[in-house]
């Protein structure tokens, strides 16, 4: 699904009900603030810690910010479920992960608009994060995550997904 130049990747454009209305390159999607689709996967290890990472400087959206989710854009014609597996396996450097869908919401700012399909997965083996995507990583306890949220710059969409995730689990 990915190309050498991420801005040339073809994405589905969707409406306010998440129905496909056309396609465009990722660069055009970002330039014109077209609504598209993304997946988020919260990955926990055998000790129930959460995979947290810092995005690389070359990312088109929120470079060098921290994130609680692995994931990314859903390619044209790709399902959310397919994208969740692809993105989690690419970013974590693993094979055979099985994300479970939790909820979906529309994320909007003055500059961006996308549907976020949030998943959760457990991975008990080693990870080998993709160097093009992940600058730093660690598995952190929820208590450590909460401390870091007050100290580190996190991606906006990930913060909103985390808030909704905690609400869903009765911890919001």
Protein backbone atom coordinates (compact mmCIF):
# COMPACT_ATOMS: atom_id res chain seq x y z
CA UNK A 1 0.00 0.00 0.00
CA UNK A 2 2.82 2.43 0.68
CA UNK A 3 4.91 4.17 -1.93
CA UNK A 4 8.45 5.56 -1.75
CA UNK A 5 6.88 9.01 -1.39
CA UNK A 6 4.02 8.85 1.16
CA UNK A 7 2.43 12.01 -0.29
CA UNK A 8 1.69 10.02 -3.49
CA UNK A 9 -0.21 7.21 -1.73
CA UNK A 10 -3.82 6.95 -2.98
CA UNK A 11 -6.50 7.25 -0.28
CA UNK A 12 -10.28 6.97 -0.27
CA UNK A 13 -12.09 10.26 0.36
CA UNK A 14 -15.16 9.82 2.58
CA UNK A 15 -18.14 11.88 3.71
CA UNK A 16 -19.52 12.63 7.20
CA UNK A 17 -21.06 9.11 7.31
CA UNK A 18 -17.74 7.49 6.28
CA UNK A 19 -18.98 6.60 2.78
CA UNK A 20 -16.42 6.65 -0.03
CA UNK A 21 -16.93 9.58 -2.42
CA UNK A 22 -13.68 9.43 -4.42
CA UNK A 23 -9.90 9.08 -4.20
CA UNK A 24 -6.92 11.42 -3.99
CA UNK A 25 -3.22 11.33 -3.13
CA UNK A 26 -2.30 11.75 0.51
CA UNK A 27 -0.61 15.05 -0.37
CA UNK A 28 -3.83 16.36 -1.93
CA UNK A 29 -5.87 15.02 1.00
CA UNK A 30 -3.72 16.97 3.47
CA UNK A 31 -3.49 20.11 1.30
CA UNK A 32 -7.26 20.29 0.73
CA UNK A 33 -8.33 18.96 4.18
CA UNK A 34 -10.29 16.09 2.62
CA UNK A 35 -11.87 13.61 5.03
CA UNK A 36 -10.23 10.18 4.82
CA UNK A 37 -9.70 7.08 6.96
CA UNK A 38 -7.08 6.09 9.54
CA UNK A 39 -6.55 3.16 11.87
CA UNK A 40 -5.14 3.19 15.40
CA UNK A 41 -3.91 0.08 17.22
CA UNK A 42 -3.18 0.16 20.95
CA UNK A 43 -0.66 -2.64 21.46
CA UNK A 44 -0.13 -4.24 24.86
CA UNK A 45 2.59 -6.71 25.82
CA UNK A 46 2.39 -9.82 28.07
CA UNK A 47 2.63 -7.60 31.18
CA UNK A 48 -0.27 -5.41 29.93
CA UNK A 49 2.07 -2.47 29.21
CA UNK A 50 1.34 -0.17 26.27
CA UNK A 51 3.64 0.33 23.28
CA UNK A 52 4.51 4.05 23.17
CA UNK A 53 6.69 5.59 20.51
CA UNK A 54 8.01 8.85 19.10
CA UNK A 55 7.36 9.47 15.43
CA UNK A 56 10.29 10.17 13.12
CA UNK A 57 11.14 13.66 11.85
CA UNK A 58 10.09 12.66 8.31
CA UNK A 59 6.42 11.95 9.16
CA UNK A 60 3.93 14.12 7.22
CA UNK A 61 1.67 14.49 10.28
CA UNK A 62 3.02 15.34 13.76
CA UNK A 63 6.73 14.61 13.28
CA UNK A 64 8.71 13.95 16.49
CA UNK A 65 5.57 13.70 18.63
CA UNK A 66 4.79 10.73 20.82
CA UNK A 67 1.94 8.31 20.18
CA UNK A 68 0.13 5.60 22.15
CA UNK A 69 -1.10 3.92 18.97
CA UNK A 70 0.55 2.43 15.92
CA UNK A 71 -1.38 2.89 12.72
CA UNK A 72 -1.88 5.20 9.82
CA UNK A 73 -3.96 5.96 6.78
CA UNK A 74 -6.21 3.39 5.16
CA UNK A 75 -5.31 2.95 1.50
CA UNK A 76 -7.85 3.24 -1.31
CA UNK A 77 -9.99 0.10 -1.42
CA UNK A 78 -8.51 -1.25 1.83
CA UNK A 79 -10.72 -2.15 4.81
CA UNK A 80 -10.10 -0.80 8.29
CA UNK A 81 -9.35 -4.35 9.49
CA UNK A 82 -6.79 -4.93 6.72
CA UNK A 83 -5.14 -1.59 7.40
CA UNK A 84 -4.98 -2.27 11.17
CA UNK A 85 -3.07 -5.51 10.60
CA UNK A 86 -0.82 -4.00 7.92
CA UNK A 87 0.04 -0.89 9.92
CA UNK A 88 0.61 -2.75 13.21
CA UNK A 89 2.83 -5.34 11.54
CA UNK A 90 4.81 -2.69 9.63
CA UNK A 91 5.37 -0.33 12.55
CA UNK A 92 6.04 -3.02 15.18
CA UNK A 93 8.09 -5.19 12.82
CA UNK A 94 6.04 -8.31 13.61
CA UNK A 95 3.93 -10.85 11.75
CA UNK A 96 0.64 -12.46 12.78
CA UNK A 97 -0.84 -9.74 14.99
CA UNK A 98 -4.65 -9.82 15.42
CA UNK A 99 -6.10 -6.40 16.28
CA UNK A 100 -9.64 -6.26 17.70
CA UNK A 101 -11.84 -3.34 16.65
CA UNK A 102 -13.14 -1.20 19.55
CA UNK A 103 -14.78 2.00 18.25
CA UNK A 104 -14.70 4.64 15.53
CA UNK A 105 -14.90 8.44 15.64
CA UNK A 106 -14.46 11.45 13.38
CA UNK A 107 -11.39 13.55 14.25
CA UNK A 108 -11.49 17.13 13.00
CA UNK A 109 -9.25 20.16 13.44
CA UNK A 110 -9.03 23.32 11.32
CA UNK A 111 -6.32 21.54 9.28
CA UNK A 112 -7.36 17.86 9.26
CA UNK A 113 -10.38 15.58 9.05
CA UNK A 114 -10.36 11.78 9.27
CA UNK A 115 -12.31 8.83 10.56
CA UNK A 116 -10.36 7.00 13.26
CA UNK A 117 -11.02 3.26 13.65
CA UNK A 118 -9.50 2.25 16.98
CA UNK A 119 -8.27 -1.30 17.67
CA UNK A 120 -6.45 -3.10 20.46
CA UNK A 121 -3.98 -5.98 20.18
CA UNK A 122 -1.73 -8.01 22.42
CA UNK A 123 1.77 -8.88 21.28
CA UNK A 124 3.87 -11.04 23.60
CA UNK A 125 6.95 -11.45 21.42
CA UNK A 126 9.78 -9.08 20.57
CA UNK A 127 9.20 -6.02 18.41
CA UNK A 128 11.49 -4.54 15.77
CA UNK A 129 9.93 -1.15 15.00
CA UNK A 130 10.17 0.29 11.50
CA UNK A 131 12.98 2.89 11.54
CA UNK A 132 11.18 5.07 8.96
CA UNK A 133 8.20 5.41 11.32
CA UNK A 134 9.51 5.00 14.89
CA UNK A 135 12.31 7.13 16.36
CA UNK A 136 12.07 5.75 19.94
CA UNK A 137 9.84 3.19 21.69
CA UNK A 138 9.10 1.49 25.01
CA UNK A 139 6.33 -0.51 26.66
CA UNK A 140 4.94 1.61 29.52
CA UNK A 141 2.44 0.87 32.29
CA UNK A 142 -0.79 2.90 32.28
CA UNK A 143 0.57 4.86 35.26
CA UNK A 144 3.74 5.69 33.30
CA UNK A 145 1.61 6.66 30.29
CA UNK A 146 -0.44 9.07 32.41
CA UNK A 147 2.76 10.73 33.71
CA UNK A 148 4.21 11.03 30.20
CA UNK A 149 1.00 12.58 28.85
CA UNK A 150 1.71 15.59 31.09
CA UNK A 151 5.38 15.78 30.11
CA UNK A 152 5.75 14.86 26.44
CA UNK A 153 4.14 16.26 23.26
CA UNK A 154 1.67 13.67 21.94
CA UNK A 155 -0.21 13.59 18.63
CA UNK A 156 -3.65 15.22 18.88
CA UNK A 157 -5.64 12.39 17.30
CA UNK A 158 -3.95 9.84 19.55
CA UNK A 159 -4.82 11.90 22.64
CA UNK A 160 -8.46 11.98 21.58
CA UNK A 161 -8.44 8.23 20.89
CA UNK A 162 -6.85 7.61 24.32
CA UNK A 163 -9.51 9.77 26.04
CA UNK A 164 -12.28 7.79 24.33
CA UNK A 165 -10.53 4.48 25.07
CA UNK A 166 -10.35 5.31 28.78
CA UNK A 167 -14.02 6.35 28.74
CA UNK A 168 -14.96 3.05 27.11
CA UNK A 169 -13.11 1.19 29.87
CA UNK A 170 -14.74 3.28 32.60
CA UNK A 171 -11.55 5.17 33.46
CA UNK A 172 -12.30 8.49 31.78
